[in-house]
Amino acid sequence: MVGKWHLGHADRKYWPQNRGFDHFYGNLVGEVDYFTKERGGIVDWQRNGKFLQEKGYYTTLIGDEAVRLIERQDPDKPAVPLRGVAGGAHALQAPKADLDAYKACSRTARSAPTPRC
């Protein structure tokens, strides 16, 4: 599993590896900063139970991890890849290049379901 867990972070018995997942990469709480992977000044970013500080944008990191997991999966064994999405849970953050691409748009146009700028 990669991404947001959000199903019990205070007690390790509720962490993904203790709930049936072979692999976990991401955050345990519902929302973290997309660049620092912190919430309230505390890093909430881990791989298989070990917290780490890692540079990079949240969705890029979990997307890359998901691809690595799929590529190394034995094709003769069943797998259920799961990606927990955090994007809709809190204020959105985006890389500067993405923000710059919509800089000319009005705020109303940017928030439309299909921006037309």
N, C-alpha and C. Protein backbone atom coordinates (compact mmCIF):
# COMPACT_ATOMS: atom_id res chain seq x y z
N MET A 1 0.84 -1.17 0.00
CA MET A 1 0.00 0.00 0.00
C MET A 1 0.88 1.23 0.00
N VAL A 2 0.46 2.24 -0.72
CA VAL A 2 1.16 3.52 -0.73
C VAL A 2 0.14 4.64 -0.54
N GLY A 3 0.57 5.71 0.13
CA GLY A 3 -0.28 6.89 0.30
C GLY A 3 -0.74 7.11 1.72
N LYS A 4 -1.97 7.54 1.85
CA LYS A 4 -2.54 7.90 3.15
C LYS A 4 -3.21 6.69 3.79
N TRP A 5 -2.83 6.39 5.03
CA TRP A 5 -3.45 5.29 5.76
C TRP A 5 -4.70 5.78 6.47
N HIS A 6 -4.58 6.62 7.45
CA HIS A 6 -5.69 7.30 8.13
C HIS A 6 -6.69 6.34 8.77
N LEU A 7 -6.20 5.19 9.25
CA LEU A 7 -7.08 4.22 9.90
C LEU A 7 -6.54 3.80 11.26
N GLY A 8 -5.87 4.71 11.92
CA GLY A 8 -5.30 4.42 13.24
C GLY A 8 -3.82 4.68 13.23
N HIS A 9 -3.41 5.79 13.81
CA HIS A 9 -1.98 6.12 13.79
C HIS A 9 -1.35 6.09 15.17
N ALA A 10 -2.14 6.21 16.21
CA ALA A 10 -1.61 6.34 17.56
C ALA A 10 -1.11 5.02 18.14
N ASP A 11 -1.55 3.92 17.60
CA ASP A 11 -1.19 2.60 18.13
C ASP A 11 -0.69 1.73 16.98
N ARG A 12 0.52 1.22 17.11
CA ARG A 12 1.14 0.44 16.04
C ARG A 12 0.29 -0.76 15.60
N LYS A 13 -0.55 -1.28 16.48
CA LYS A 13 -1.35 -2.45 16.08
C LYS A 13 -2.32 -2.12 14.96
N TYR A 14 -2.57 -0.82 14.73
CA TYR A 14 -3.46 -0.41 13.64
C TYR A 14 -2.71 0.00 12.38
N TRP A 15 -1.41 -0.03 12.41
CA TRP A 15 -0.63 0.37 11.24
C TRP A 15 -0.80 -0.66 10.12
N PRO A 16 -0.58 -0.26 8.88
CA PRO A 16 -0.85 -1.13 7.73
C PRO A 16 -0.21 -2.52 7.80
N GLN A 17 1.06 -2.59 8.21
CA GLN A 17 1.74 -3.89 8.24
C GLN A 17 1.13 -4.82 9.28
N ASN A 18 0.43 -4.27 10.25
CA ASN A 18 -0.23 -5.09 11.27
C ASN A 18 -1.70 -5.31 10.96
N ARG A 19 -2.11 -4.88 9.78
CA ARG A 19 -3.50 -5.05 9.34
C ARG A 19 -3.57 -5.79 8.01
N GLY A 20 -2.49 -6.52 7.67
CA GLY A 20 -2.53 -7.38 6.49
C GLY A 20 -1.75 -6.92 5.28
N PHE A 21 -1.16 -5.73 5.31
CA PHE A 21 -0.40 -5.25 4.16
C PHE A 21 1.06 -5.67 4.27
N ASP A 22 1.63 -6.13 3.17
CA ASP A 22 3.04 -6.54 3.13
C ASP A 22 3.97 -5.33 3.07
N HIS A 23 3.47 -4.23 2.54
CA HIS A 23 4.31 -3.05 2.30
C HIS A 23 3.49 -1.80 2.57
N PHE A 24 4.14 -0.80 3.16
CA PHE A 24 3.49 0.50 3.33
C PHE A 24 4.50 1.61 3.13
N TYR A 25 4.11 2.61 2.35
CA TYR A 25 4.92 3.79 2.11
C TYR A 25 3.98 4.98 2.06
N GLY A 26 4.12 5.91 2.99
CA GLY A 26 3.27 7.08 3.01
C GLY A 26 3.09 7.63 4.40
N ASN A 27 1.92 8.21 4.65
CA ASN A 27 1.64 8.84 5.94
C ASN A 27 0.50 8.13 6.65
N LEU A 28 0.51 8.22 7.97
CA LEU A 28 -0.49 7.54 8.79
C LEU A 28 -1.69 8.43 9.11
N VAL A 29 -1.46 9.72 9.34
CA VAL A 29 -2.56 10.62 9.68
C VAL A 29 -3.25 11.10 8.40
N GLY A 30 -4.33 11.80 8.55
CA GLY A 30 -5.14 12.18 7.41
C GLY A 30 -4.54 13.19 6.47
N GLU A 31 -3.70 14.07 6.96
CA GLU A 31 -3.14 15.08 6.08
C GLU A 31 -1.74 15.46 6.52
N VAL A 32 -0.89 15.69 5.55
CA VAL A 32 0.46 16.18 5.80
C VAL A 32 0.78 17.23 4.74
N ASP A 33 1.78 18.03 5.03
CA ASP A 33 2.27 18.98 4.04
C ASP A 33 2.85 18.18 2.87
N TYR A 34 2.48 18.55 1.65
CA TYR A 34 2.90 17.79 0.47
C TYR A 34 4.40 17.88 0.17
N PHE A 35 5.07 18.84 0.78
CA PHE A 35 6.50 19.01 0.54
C PHE A 35 7.35 18.52 1.70
N THR A 36 6.94 18.81 2.94
CA THR A 36 7.73 18.40 4.11
C THR A 36 7.27 17.07 4.69
N LYS A 37 6.07 16.65 4.34
CA LYS A 37 5.43 15.44 4.90
C LYS A 37 5.29 15.55 6.42
N GLU A 38 5.03 16.77 6.90
CA GLU A 38 4.84 17.03 8.32
C GLU A 38 3.39 17.41 8.61
N ARG A 39 3.01 17.14 9.84
CA ARG A 39 1.74 17.64 10.36
C ARG A 39 2.04 18.13 11.77
N GLY A 40 1.77 19.41 12.00
CA GLY A 40 2.04 19.99 13.31
C GLY A 40 3.51 19.96 13.68
N GLY A 41 4.39 20.06 12.69
CA GLY A 41 5.82 20.07 12.93
C GLY A 41 6.43 18.70 13.13
N ILE A 42 5.66 17.64 12.98
CA ILE A 42 6.15 16.27 13.16
C ILE A 42 6.09 15.54 11.82
N VAL A 43 7.19 14.92 11.44
CA VAL A 43 7.23 14.18 10.17
C VAL A 43 6.37 12.93 10.28
N ASP A 44 5.46 12.77 9.34
CA ASP A 44 4.63 11.58 9.26
C ASP A 44 4.81 10.98 7.87
N TRP A 45 5.95 10.35 7.67
CA TRP A 45 6.30 9.76 6.39
C TRP A 45 7.12 8.52 6.68
N GLN A 46 6.70 7.39 6.20
CA GLN A 46 7.41 6.17 6.54
C GLN A 46 7.37 5.14 5.43
N ARG A 47 8.29 4.22 5.59
CA ARG A 47 8.30 3.03 4.75
C ARG A 47 8.39 1.84 5.70
N ASN A 48 7.36 1.02 5.66
CA ASN A 48 7.32 -0.21 6.46
C ASN A 48 7.63 0.00 7.94
N GLY A 49 7.02 1.04 8.53
CA GLY A 49 7.14 1.26 9.96
C GLY A 49 8.32 2.09 10.39
N LYS A 50 9.18 2.48 9.46
CA LYS A 50 10.34 3.30 9.79
C LYS A 50 10.13 4.70 9.24
N PHE A 51 10.10 5.69 10.14
CA PHE A 51 9.90 7.07 9.72
C PHE A 51 11.15 7.59 9.03
N LEU A 52 10.93 8.42 8.01
CA LEU A 52 12.05 8.96 7.25
C LEU A 52 11.74 10.36 6.78
N GLN A 53 12.79 11.10 6.52
CA GLN A 53 12.65 12.41 5.90
C GLN A 53 13.13 12.26 4.47
N GLU A 54 12.29 12.66 3.55
CA GLU A 54 12.57 12.43 2.14
C GLU A 54 12.14 13.66 1.36
N LYS A 55 13.01 14.14 0.51
CA LYS A 55 12.67 15.28 -0.33
C LYS A 55 11.80 14.81 -1.48
N GLY A 56 10.92 15.69 -1.91
CA GLY A 56 10.08 15.37 -3.05
C GLY A 56 8.63 15.70 -2.77
N TYR A 57 7.86 15.78 -3.82
CA TYR A 57 6.44 16.10 -3.75
C TYR A 57 5.63 14.84 -3.47
N TYR A 58 4.70 14.93 -2.55
CA TYR A 58 3.93 13.79 -2.04
C TYR A 58 3.42 12.87 -3.14
N THR A 59 2.62 13.40 -4.05
CA THR A 59 1.99 12.52 -5.04
C THR A 59 3.00 11.92 -6.01
N THR A 60 4.08 12.62 -6.28
CA THR A 60 5.13 12.07 -7.14
C THR A 60 5.81 10.90 -6.43
N LEU A 61 6.13 11.07 -5.15
CA LEU A 61 6.80 10.00 -4.40
C LEU A 61 5.94 8.75 -4.30
N ILE A 62 4.65 8.91 -3.96
CA ILE A 62 3.83 7.70 -3.82
C ILE A 62 3.52 7.07 -5.18
N GLY A 63 3.41 7.89 -6.20
CA GLY A 63 3.22 7.34 -7.55
C GLY A 63 4.42 6.52 -8.00
N ASP A 64 5.63 7.06 -7.76
CA ASP A 64 6.85 6.34 -8.12
C ASP A 64 6.96 5.03 -7.34
N GLU A 65 6.60 5.07 -6.06
CA GLU A 65 6.66 3.86 -5.23
C GLU A 65 5.67 2.81 -5.74
N ALA A 66 4.48 3.24 -6.12
CA ALA A 66 3.48 2.31 -6.64
C ALA A 66 3.98 1.63 -7.91
N VAL A 67 4.62 2.39 -8.79
CA VAL A 67 5.17 1.81 -10.02
C VAL A 67 6.24 0.79 -9.68
N ARG A 68 7.14 1.12 -8.73
CA ARG A 68 8.19 0.17 -8.34
C ARG A 68 7.59 -1.12 -7.80
N LEU A 69 6.55 -1.01 -6.97
CA LEU A 69 5.93 -2.21 -6.42
C LEU A 69 5.32 -3.09 -7.51
N ILE A 70 4.64 -2.48 -8.44
CA ILE A 70 4.01 -3.23 -9.52
C ILE A 70 5.07 -3.88 -10.41
N GLU A 71 6.14 -3.14 -10.71
CA GLU A 71 7.19 -3.68 -11.58
C GLU A 71 7.93 -4.87 -10.95
N ARG A 72 8.08 -4.87 -9.64
CA ARG A 72 8.81 -5.98 -9.02
C ARG A 72 7.91 -7.12 -8.53
N GLN A 73 6.61 -6.99 -8.73
CA GLN A 73 5.67 -8.03 -8.32
C GLN A 73 5.82 -9.26 -9.19
N ASP A 74 5.89 -10.41 -8.58
CA ASP A 74 5.94 -11.69 -9.29
C ASP A 74 4.62 -11.86 -10.04
N PRO A 75 4.66 -11.96 -11.37
CA PRO A 75 3.42 -12.06 -12.14
C PRO A 75 2.63 -13.35 -11.87
N ASP A 76 3.27 -14.32 -11.25
CA ASP A 76 2.60 -15.58 -10.95
C ASP A 76 1.91 -15.56 -9.59
N LYS A 77 2.05 -14.46 -8.85
CA LYS A 77 1.40 -14.35 -7.54
C LYS A 77 0.37 -13.23 -7.57
N PRO A 78 -0.75 -13.45 -6.92
CA PRO A 78 -1.77 -12.40 -6.90
C PRO A 78 -1.31 -11.20 -6.08
N ALA A 79 -1.79 -10.03 -6.45
CA ALA A 79 -1.46 -8.80 -5.73
C ALA A 79 -2.64 -7.85 -5.82
N VAL A 80 -2.79 -7.06 -4.78
CA VAL A 80 -3.83 -6.02 -4.76
C VAL A 80 -3.14 -4.71 -4.38
N PRO A 81 -2.64 -3.97 -5.37
CA PRO A 81 -2.01 -2.69 -5.05
C PRO A 81 -3.08 -1.69 -4.61
N LEU A 82 -2.80 -0.96 -3.55
CA LEU A 82 -3.74 0.03 -3.03
C LEU A 82 -3.01 1.34 -2.86
N ARG A 83 -3.60 2.40 -3.39
CA ARG A 83 -3.03 3.74 -3.25
C ARG A 83 -4.06 4.60 -2.54
N GLY A 84 -3.75 4.99 -1.32
CA GLY A 84 -4.62 5.89 -0.57
C GLY A 84 -4.38 7.32 -0.99
N VAL A 85 -5.41 7.99 -1.46
CA VAL A 85 -5.28 9.35 -2.00
C VAL A 85 -5.54 10.38 -0.90
N ALA A 86 -4.63 11.33 -0.76
CA ALA A 86 -4.77 12.37 0.26
C ALA A 86 -5.24 13.69 -0.33
N GLY A 87 -5.20 13.84 -1.63
CA GLY A 87 -5.46 15.13 -2.28
C GLY A 87 -6.76 15.81 -1.92
N GLY A 88 -7.82 15.08 -1.77
CA GLY A 88 -9.11 15.70 -1.51
C GLY A 88 -9.38 15.98 -0.04
N ALA A 89 -8.46 15.63 0.84
CA ALA A 89 -8.71 15.72 2.27
C ALA A 89 -8.40 17.08 2.87
N HIS A 90 -7.63 17.90 2.20
CA HIS A 90 -7.21 19.17 2.80
C HIS A 90 -6.82 20.15 1.72
N ALA A 91 -6.38 21.32 2.16
CA ALA A 91 -5.97 22.36 1.21
C ALA A 91 -4.93 21.81 0.25
N LEU A 92 -5.12 22.06 -1.02
CA LEU A 92 -4.23 21.51 -2.04
C LEU A 92 -2.92 22.28 -2.10
N GLN A 93 -1.85 21.57 -2.37
CA GLN A 93 -0.54 22.15 -2.60
C GLN A 93 -0.05 21.58 -3.91
N ALA A 94 0.66 22.39 -4.65
CA ALA A 94 1.15 21.93 -5.95
C ALA A 94 2.57 22.43 -6.17
N PRO A 95 3.33 21.71 -6.99
CA PRO A 95 4.67 22.19 -7.34
C PRO A 95 4.57 23.53 -8.07
N LYS A 96 5.61 24.35 -7.94
CA LYS A 96 5.61 25.69 -8.53
C LYS A 96 5.34 25.65 -10.04
N ALA A 97 5.91 24.69 -10.74
CA ALA A 97 5.70 24.61 -12.19
C ALA A 97 4.22 24.43 -12.52
N ASP A 98 3.50 23.66 -11.73
CA ASP A 98 2.07 23.47 -11.96
C ASP A 98 1.30 24.75 -11.66
N LEU A 99 1.65 25.42 -10.58
CA LEU A 99 0.99 26.68 -10.25
C LEU A 99 1.24 27.73 -11.32
N ASP A 100 2.47 27.81 -11.81
CA ASP A 100 2.82 28.77 -12.84
C ASP A 100 2.03 28.54 -14.13
N ALA A 101 1.72 27.29 -14.43
CA ALA A 101 0.98 26.97 -15.65
C ALA A 101 -0.41 27.60 -15.66
N TYR A 102 -0.96 27.87 -14.46
CA TYR A 102 -2.30 28.44 -14.35
C TYR A 102 -2.29 29.87 -13.82
N LYS A 103 -1.13 30.47 -13.77
CA LYS A 103 -1.00 31.82 -13.21
C LYS A 103 -1.88 32.85 -13.92
N ALA A 104 -2.05 32.72 -15.21
CA ALA A 104 -2.84 33.68 -15.98
C ALA A 104 -4.34 33.51 -15.78
N CYS A 105 -4.76 32.42 -15.20
CA CYS A 105 -6.18 32.15 -15.00
C CYS A 105 -6.73 32.95 -13.82
N SER A 106 -7.97 33.33 -13.92
CA SER A 106 -8.62 33.95 -12.77
C SER A 106 -8.88 32.88 -11.73
N ARG A 107 -9.07 33.29 -10.49
CA ARG A 107 -9.34 32.34 -9.41
C ARG A 107 -10.59 31.52 -9.72
N THR A 108 -11.62 32.14 -10.28
CA THR A 108 -12.86 31.44 -10.61
C THR A 108 -12.60 30.38 -11.68
N ALA A 109 -11.85 30.74 -12.72
CA ALA A 109 -11.56 29.79 -13.79
C ALA A 109 -10.74 28.61 -13.29
N ARG A 110 -9.78 28.86 -12.37
CA ARG A 110 -8.93 27.79 -11.85
C ARG A 110 -9.72 26.80 -11.01
N SER A 111 -10.78 27.26 -10.34
CA SER A 111 -11.53 26.36 -9.46
C SER A 111 -12.69 25.67 -10.19
N ALA A 112 -12.86 25.94 -11.45
CA ALA A 112 -13.92 25.27 -12.23
C ALA A 112 -13.59 23.79 -12.37
N PRO A 113 -14.61 22.92 -12.50
CA PRO A 113 -14.35 21.49 -12.67
C PRO A 113 -13.39 21.19 -13.81
N THR A 114 -13.49 21.93 -14.90
CA THR A 114 -12.56 21.80 -16.01
C THR A 114 -12.06 23.20 -16.35
N PRO A 115 -10.90 23.59 -15.77
CA PRO A 115 -10.39 24.95 -16.03
C PRO A 115 -10.18 25.20 -17.50
N ARG A 116 -10.62 26.36 -17.95
CA ARG A 116 -10.43 26.77 -19.34
C ARG A 116 -9.73 28.12 -19.34
N CYS A 117 -8.43 28.07 -19.41
CA CYS A 117 -7.65 29.32 -19.37
C CYS A 117 -6.76 29.41 -20.59
